[in-house]
């Protein structure tokens, strides 16, 4: 459980760093990778919390 929380946090920080690199350099590759990491991190986080909610209900 702690591993998933840390993994989500690290991936969100990585996406933030990539967005900062995009802002500093203007290279669109950083923005693209930041969006990809952010998208899949949010999907994984929603799935993780959905499992926690389902476990609570049942």
PDB file of N, CA and C in Angstrom:
ATOM      1  N   UNK A   1       0.823  -1.182   0.000  1.00  0.00           N
ATOM      2  CA  UNK A   1       0.000   0.000   0.000  1.00  0.00           C
ATOM      3  C   UNK A   1       0.875   1.256   0.000  1.00  0.00           C
ATOM      4  N   UNK A   2       1.871   1.263   0.854  1.00  0.00           N
ATOM      5  CA  UNK A   2       2.768   2.414   0.913  1.00  0.00           C
ATOM      6  C   UNK A   2       3.544   2.548  -0.397  1.00  0.00           C
ATOM      7  N   UNK A   3       3.897   1.415  -0.997  1.00  0.00           N
ATOM      8  CA  UNK A   3       4.617   1.448  -2.263  1.00  0.00           C
ATOM      9  C   UNK A   3       3.813   2.182  -3.333  1.00  0.00           C
ATOM     10  N   UNK A   4       2.510   1.900  -3.425  1.00  0.00           N
ATOM     11  CA  UNK A   4       1.683   2.537  -4.454  1.00  0.00           C
ATOM     12  C   UNK A   4       1.549   4.033  -4.209  1.00  0.00           C
ATOM     13  N   UNK A   5       1.435   4.420  -2.950  1.00  0.00           N
ATOM     14  CA  UNK A   5       1.351   5.856  -2.651  1.00  0.00           C
ATOM     15  C   UNK A   5       2.641   6.563  -3.050  1.00  0.00           C
ATOM     16  N   UNK A   6       3.784   5.964  -2.730  1.00  0.00           N
ATOM     17  CA  UNK A   6       5.059   6.569  -3.103  1.00  0.00           C
ATOM     18  C   UNK A   6       5.246   6.582  -4.610  1.00  0.00           C
ATOM     19  N   UNK A   7       4.833   5.519  -5.268  1.00  0.00           N
ATOM     20  CA  UNK A   7       4.970   5.465  -6.730  1.00  0.00           C
ATOM     21  C   UNK A   7       4.145   6.564  -7.392  1.00  0.00           C
ATOM     22  N   UNK A   8       2.929   6.776  -6.913  1.00  0.00           N
ATOM     23  CA  UNK A   8       2.083   7.824  -7.468  1.00  0.00           C
ATOM     24  C   UNK A   8       2.702   9.191  -7.215  1.00  0.00           C
ATOM     25  N   UNK A   9       3.227   9.397  -6.010  1.00  0.00           N
ATOM     26  CA  UNK A   9       3.866  10.665  -5.687  1.00  0.00           C
ATOM     27  C   UNK A   9       5.089  10.912  -6.573  1.00  0.00           C
ATOM     28  N   UNK A  10       5.920   9.910  -6.737  1.00  0.00           N
ATOM     29  CA  UNK A  10       7.128  10.057  -7.556  1.00  0.00           C
ATOM     30  C   UNK A  10       6.761  10.344  -9.013  1.00  0.00           C
ATOM     31  N   UNK A  11       5.757   9.666  -9.521  1.00  0.00           N
ATOM     32  CA  UNK A  11       5.348   9.908 -10.907  1.00  0.00           C
ATOM     33  C   UNK A  11       4.749  11.303 -11.087  1.00  0.00           C
ATOM     34  N   UNK A  12       4.003  11.791 -10.105  1.00  0.00           N
ATOM     35  CA  UNK A  12       3.480  13.153 -10.199  1.00  0.00           C
ATOM     36  C   UNK A  12       4.605  14.178 -10.154  1.00  0.00           C
ATOM     37  N   UNK A  13       5.612  13.938  -9.323  1.00  0.00           N
ATOM     38  CA  UNK A  13       6.769  14.838  -9.275  1.00  0.00           C
ATOM     39  C   UNK A  13       7.516  14.797 -10.611  1.00  0.00           C
ATOM     40  N   UNK A  14       7.657  13.609 -11.190  1.00  0.00           N
ATOM     41  CA  UNK A  14       8.329  13.484 -12.488  1.00  0.00           C
ATOM     42  C   UNK A  14       7.582  14.274 -13.561  1.00  0.00           C
ATOM     43  N   UNK A  15       6.260  14.194 -13.550  1.00  0.00           N
ATOM     44  CA  UNK A  15       5.477  14.958 -14.521  1.00  0.00           C
ATOM     45  C   UNK A  15       5.676  16.455 -14.293  1.00  0.00           C
ATOM     46  N   UNK A  16       5.719  16.871 -13.043  1.00  0.00           N
ATOM     47  CA  UNK A  16       5.967  18.283 -12.740  1.00  0.00           C
ATOM     48  C   UNK A  16       7.330  18.750 -13.217  1.00  0.00           C
ATOM     49  N   UNK A  17       8.340  17.915 -13.047  1.00  0.00           N
ATOM     50  CA  UNK A  17       9.686  18.257 -13.520  1.00  0.00           C
ATOM     51  C   UNK A  17       9.692  18.375 -15.040  1.00  0.00           C
ATOM     52  N   UNK A  18       9.011  17.469 -15.716  1.00  0.00           N
ATOM     53  CA  UNK A  18       8.954  17.541 -17.174  1.00  0.00           C
ATOM     54  C   UNK A  18       8.235  18.802 -17.644  1.00  0.00           C
ATOM     55  N   UNK A  19       7.170  19.204 -16.944  1.00  0.00           N
ATOM     56  CA  UNK A  19       6.487  20.444 -17.317  1.00  0.00           C
ATOM     57  C   UNK A  19       7.379  21.653 -17.067  1.00  0.00           C
ATOM     58  N   UNK A  20       8.169  21.615 -15.988  1.00  0.00           N
ATOM     59  CA  UNK A  20       9.110  22.711 -15.721  1.00  0.00           C
ATOM     60  C   UNK A  20      10.186  22.767 -16.798  1.00  0.00           C
ATOM     61  N   UNK A  21      10.673  21.609 -17.237  1.00  0.00           N
ATOM     62  CA  UNK A  21      11.648  21.583 -18.324  1.00  0.00           C
ATOM     63  C   UNK A  21      11.053  22.127 -19.613  1.00  0.00           C
ATOM     64  N   UNK A  22       9.783  21.805 -19.857  1.00  0.00           N
ATOM     65  CA  UNK A  22       9.120  22.358 -21.046  1.00  0.00           C
ATOM     66  C   UNK A  22       9.030  23.878 -20.950  1.00  0.00           C
ATOM     67  N   UNK A  23       8.684  24.377 -19.761  1.00  0.00           N
ATOM     68  CA  UNK A  23       8.579  25.824 -19.592  1.00  0.00           C
ATOM     69  C   UNK A  23       9.937  26.506 -19.761  1.00  0.00           C
ATOM     70  N   UNK A  24      10.996  25.823 -19.331  1.00  0.00           N
ATOM     71  CA  UNK A  24      12.329  26.427 -19.409  1.00  0.00           C
ATOM     72  C   UNK A  24      12.920  26.349 -20.815  1.00  0.00           C
ATOM     73  N   UNK A  25      12.683  25.231 -21.519  1.00  0.00           N
ATOM     74  CA  UNK A  25      13.335  25.037 -22.811  1.00  0.00           C
ATOM     75  C   UNK A  25      12.409  25.258 -24.004  1.00  0.00           C
ATOM     76  N   UNK A  26      11.127  25.022 -23.817  1.00  0.00           N
ATOM     77  CA  UNK A  26      10.186  25.167 -24.923  1.00  0.00           C
ATOM     78  C   UNK A  26      10.134  23.966 -25.842  1.00  0.00           C
ATOM     79  N   UNK A  27      10.826  22.884 -25.488  1.00  0.00           N
ATOM     80  CA  UNK A  27      10.812  21.693 -26.329  1.00  0.00           C
ATOM     81  C   UNK A  27       9.511  20.908 -26.083  1.00  0.00           C
ATOM     82  N   UNK A  28       8.739  20.650 -27.135  1.00  0.00           N
ATOM     83  CA  UNK A  28       7.440  20.002 -26.960  1.00  0.00           C
ATOM     84  C   UNK A  28       7.522  18.552 -26.474  1.00  0.00           C
ATOM     85  N   UNK A  29       8.672  17.906 -26.611  1.00  0.00           N
ATOM     86  CA  UNK A  29       8.820  16.527 -26.147  1.00  0.00           C
ATOM     87  C   UNK A  29       8.634  16.406 -24.640  1.00  0.00           C
ATOM     88  N   UNK A  30       9.113  17.413 -23.900  1.00  0.00           N
ATOM     89  CA  UNK A  30       8.949  17.391 -22.453  1.00  0.00           C
ATOM     90  C   UNK A  30       7.474  17.490 -22.066  1.00  0.00           C
ATOM     91  N   UNK A  31       6.752  18.327 -22.757  1.00  0.00           N
ATOM     92  CA  UNK A  31       5.322  18.476 -22.473  1.00  0.00           C
ATOM     93  C   UNK A  31       4.566  17.192 -22.805  1.00  0.00           C
ATOM     94  N   UNK A  32       4.916  16.574 -23.928  1.00  0.00           N
ATOM     95  CA  UNK A  32       4.249  15.338 -24.340  1.00  0.00           C
ATOM     96  C   UNK A  32       4.472  14.235 -23.307  1.00  0.00           C
ATOM     97  N   UNK A  33       5.737  14.050 -22.881  1.00  0.00           N
ATOM     98  CA  UNK A  33       6.028  13.015 -21.889  1.00  0.00           C
ATOM     99  C   UNK A  33       5.386  13.342 -20.544  1.00  0.00           C
ATOM    100  N   UNK A  34       5.348  14.615 -20.180  1.00  0.00           N
ATOM    101  CA  UNK A  34       4.693  15.018 -18.937  1.00  0.00           C
ATOM    102  C   UNK A  34       3.213  14.679 -18.949  1.00  0.00           C
ATOM    103  N   UNK A  35       2.565  14.922 -20.080  1.00  0.00           N
ATOM    104  CA  UNK A  35       1.142  14.599 -20.191  1.00  0.00           C
ATOM    105  C   UNK A  35       0.902  13.090 -20.162  1.00  0.00           C
ATOM    106  N   UNK A  36       1.771  12.332 -20.807  1.00  0.00           N
ATOM    107  CA  UNK A  36       1.627  10.869 -20.808  1.00  0.00           C
ATOM    108  C   UNK A  36       1.776  10.324 -19.387  1.00  0.00           C
ATOM    109  N   UNK A  37       2.813  10.778 -18.684  1.00  0.00           N
ATOM    110  CA  UNK A  37       3.025  10.312 -17.305  1.00  0.00           C
ATOM    111  C   UNK A  37       1.862  10.738 -16.415  1.00  0.00           C
ATOM    112  N   UNK A  38       1.417  11.974 -16.559  1.00  0.00           N
ATOM    113  CA  UNK A  38       0.304  12.464 -15.743  1.00  0.00           C
ATOM    114  C   UNK A  38      -0.968  11.663 -16.013  1.00  0.00           C
ATOM    115  N   UNK A  39      -1.263  11.403 -17.277  1.00  0.00           N
ATOM    116  CA  UNK A  39      -2.474  10.664 -17.635  1.00  0.00           C
ATOM    117  C   UNK A  39      -2.467   9.272 -17.011  1.00  0.00           C
ATOM    118  N   UNK A  40      -1.389   8.524 -17.200  1.00  0.00           N
ATOM    119  CA  UNK A  40      -1.348   7.159 -16.690  1.00  0.00           C
ATOM    120  C   UNK A  40      -1.243   7.112 -15.173  1.00  0.00           C
ATOM    121  N   UNK A  41      -0.625   8.114 -14.571  1.00  0.00           N
ATOM    122  CA  UNK A  41      -0.571   8.180 -13.111  1.00  0.00           C
ATOM    123  C   UNK A  41      -1.967   8.408 -12.537  1.00  0.00           C
ATOM    124  N   UNK A  42      -2.717   9.300 -13.141  1.00  0.00           N
ATOM    125  CA  UNK A  42      -4.080   9.554 -12.656  1.00  0.00           C
ATOM    126  C   UNK A  42      -4.979   8.339 -12.866  1.00  0.00           C
ATOM    127  N   UNK A  43      -4.835   7.655 -13.986  1.00  0.00           N
ATOM    128  CA  UNK A  43      -5.618   6.445 -14.218  1.00  0.00           C
ATOM    129  C   UNK A  43      -5.283   5.396 -13.167  1.00  0.00           C
ATOM    130  N   UNK A  44      -3.999   5.216 -12.882  1.00  0.00           N
ATOM    131  CA  UNK A  44      -3.585   4.242 -11.867  1.00  0.00           C
ATOM    132  C   UNK A  44      -4.071   4.648 -10.481  1.00  0.00           C
ATOM    133  N   UNK A  45      -3.999   5.932 -10.169  1.00  0.00           N
ATOM    134  CA  UNK A  45      -4.450   6.403  -8.857  1.00  0.00           C
ATOM    135  C   UNK A  45      -5.950   6.195  -8.690  1.00  0.00           C
ATOM    136  N   UNK A  46      -6.729   6.524  -9.714  1.00  0.00           N
ATOM    137  CA  UNK A  46      -8.175   6.314  -9.624  1.00  0.00           C
ATOM    138  C   UNK A  46      -8.500   4.831  -9.471  1.00  0.00           C
ATOM    139  N   UNK A  47      -7.792   3.989 -10.186  1.00  0.00           N
ATOM    140  CA  UNK A  47      -7.994   2.548 -10.046  1.00  0.00           C
ATOM    141  C   UNK A  47      -7.637   2.062  -8.659  1.00  0.00           C
ATOM    142  N   UNK A  48      -6.528   2.534  -8.113  1.00  0.00           N
ATOM    143  CA  UNK A  48      -6.085   2.151  -6.777  1.00  0.00           C
ATOM    144  C   UNK A  48      -7.113   2.549  -5.734  1.00  0.00           C
ATOM    145  N   UNK A  49      -7.587   3.788  -5.796  1.00  0.00           N
ATOM    146  CA  UNK A  49      -8.560   4.243  -4.815  1.00  0.00           C
ATOM    147  C   UNK A  49      -9.927   3.597  -5.019  1.00  0.00           C
ATOM    148  N   UNK A  50     -10.253   3.234  -6.249  1.00  0.00           N
ATOM    149  CA  UNK A  50     -11.502   2.505  -6.496  1.00  0.00           C
ATOM    150  C   UNK A  50     -11.459   1.139  -5.819  1.00  0.00           C
ATOM    151  N   UNK A  51     -10.318   0.478  -5.889  1.00  0.00           N
ATOM    152  CA  UNK A  51     -10.177  -0.814  -5.207  1.00  0.00           C
ATOM    153  C   UNK A  51     -10.320  -0.639  -3.706  1.00  0.00           C
ATOM    154  N   UNK A  52      -9.734   0.412  -3.153  1.00  0.00           N
ATOM    155  CA  UNK A  52      -9.870   0.660  -1.716  1.00  0.00           C
ATOM    156  C   UNK A  52     -11.323   0.910  -1.328  1.00  0.00           C
ATOM    157  N   UNK A  53     -12.042   1.650  -2.138  1.00  0.00           N
ATOM    158  CA  UNK A  53     -13.444   1.945  -1.842  1.00  0.00           C
ATOM    159  C   UNK A  53     -14.278   0.669  -1.931  1.00  0.00           C
ATOM    160  N   UNK A  54     -14.039  -0.153  -2.939  1.00  0.00           N
ATOM    161  CA  UNK A  54     -14.791  -1.393  -3.095  1.00  0.00           C
ATOM    162  C   UNK A  54     -14.506  -2.323  -1.904  1.00  0.00           C
ATOM    163  N   UNK A  55     -13.269  -2.371  -1.431  1.00  0.00           N
ATOM    164  CA  UNK A  55     -12.956  -3.187  -0.270  1.00  0.00           C
ATOM    165  C   UNK A  55     -13.696  -2.699   0.969  1.00  0.00           C
ATOM    166  N   UNK A  56     -13.846  -1.414   1.117  1.00  0.00           N
ATOM    167  CA  UNK A  56     -14.575  -0.855   2.274  1.00  0.00           C
ATOM    168  C   UNK A  56     -16.055  -1.204   2.213  1.00  0.00           C
ATOM    169  N   UNK A  57     -16.618  -1.146   1.010  1.00  0.00           N
ATOM    170  CA  UNK A  57     -18.056  -1.372   0.854  1.00  0.00           C
ATOM    171  C   UNK A  57     -18.385  -2.844   1.120  1.00  0.00           C
ATOM    172  N   UNK A  58     -17.559  -3.743   0.632  1.00  0.00           N
ATOM    173  CA  UNK A  58     -17.835  -5.165   0.809  1.00  0.00           C
ATOM    174  C   UNK A  58     -16.990  -5.656   1.903  1.00  0.00           C
TER     175      UNK A  58
END
